[in-house]
């Protein structure tokens, strides 16, 4: 292998490592698969340019039968890998926590947002799934929970949709046959002063500067223009307004 080729491989691995690390933990499994596909494409191009395609052909001929059996199992493991990464990140965040988190509570749902990682963790407070952690629910349970929330509490439904968007992107909406016709409605509810402190991740007695800084930090993560939630952004804005005008 030439020095140039060795340098290119090392540089690619380094770029790939930092690219994966920049992803939220719950998206790293999908990111890793994309990265492996890109590396495979680069290897094919390299072998083609250097006239060594026959090496790739021999390699594939040897491993294709094995990969055909292994690939379905790997696909099945992707969701479990995502859950494992989320739980690992949750434990790491808990072990290094400095109180840098926000909590939003509705009638039926309690949600925590870790400022450092951007991860959201929730617990159902009422209904058929009362006491369950959102990380432990499967897709059908999520859709049933969302249906229940839409029928009983607007704020809980909006908050759960925010969690689903954060965790799954838009893919879950393809299975949402009962999509809320009032999805564009924004109703942040009447926050108490303590709720406002919880939303911004502050303690009572926080200064004006701390309130403004916490609001700015959260909006950088949750503003709709940055892929965040319109409902949660309204909740954050309300918290700032309440605390600055108390």
Foldseek 3Di string as FASTA:
>chain_A
DDPVVVVVVVVLVVVLVVVLVPDQLLCSLVSVVVSVVVVVVVVCVVCVVVVNVVVVVVVCVVCVVVCVVCVVVVVVCSNVSSLVSVVVVVVVCVVVPPLQWAWADDPFKIWIARLVRRAIKIATCDDPRHGDIPSPDDLVVLLVVLVVCVVPPPLVNLVSVQNCCSNPNCVSVVVNPPPDPCVVDADLDDDDLVNLCRRLSHDPPDDLVSLVVSLVSVCVSAPVVNVHGPRSNVNNVVSNVVVVVD
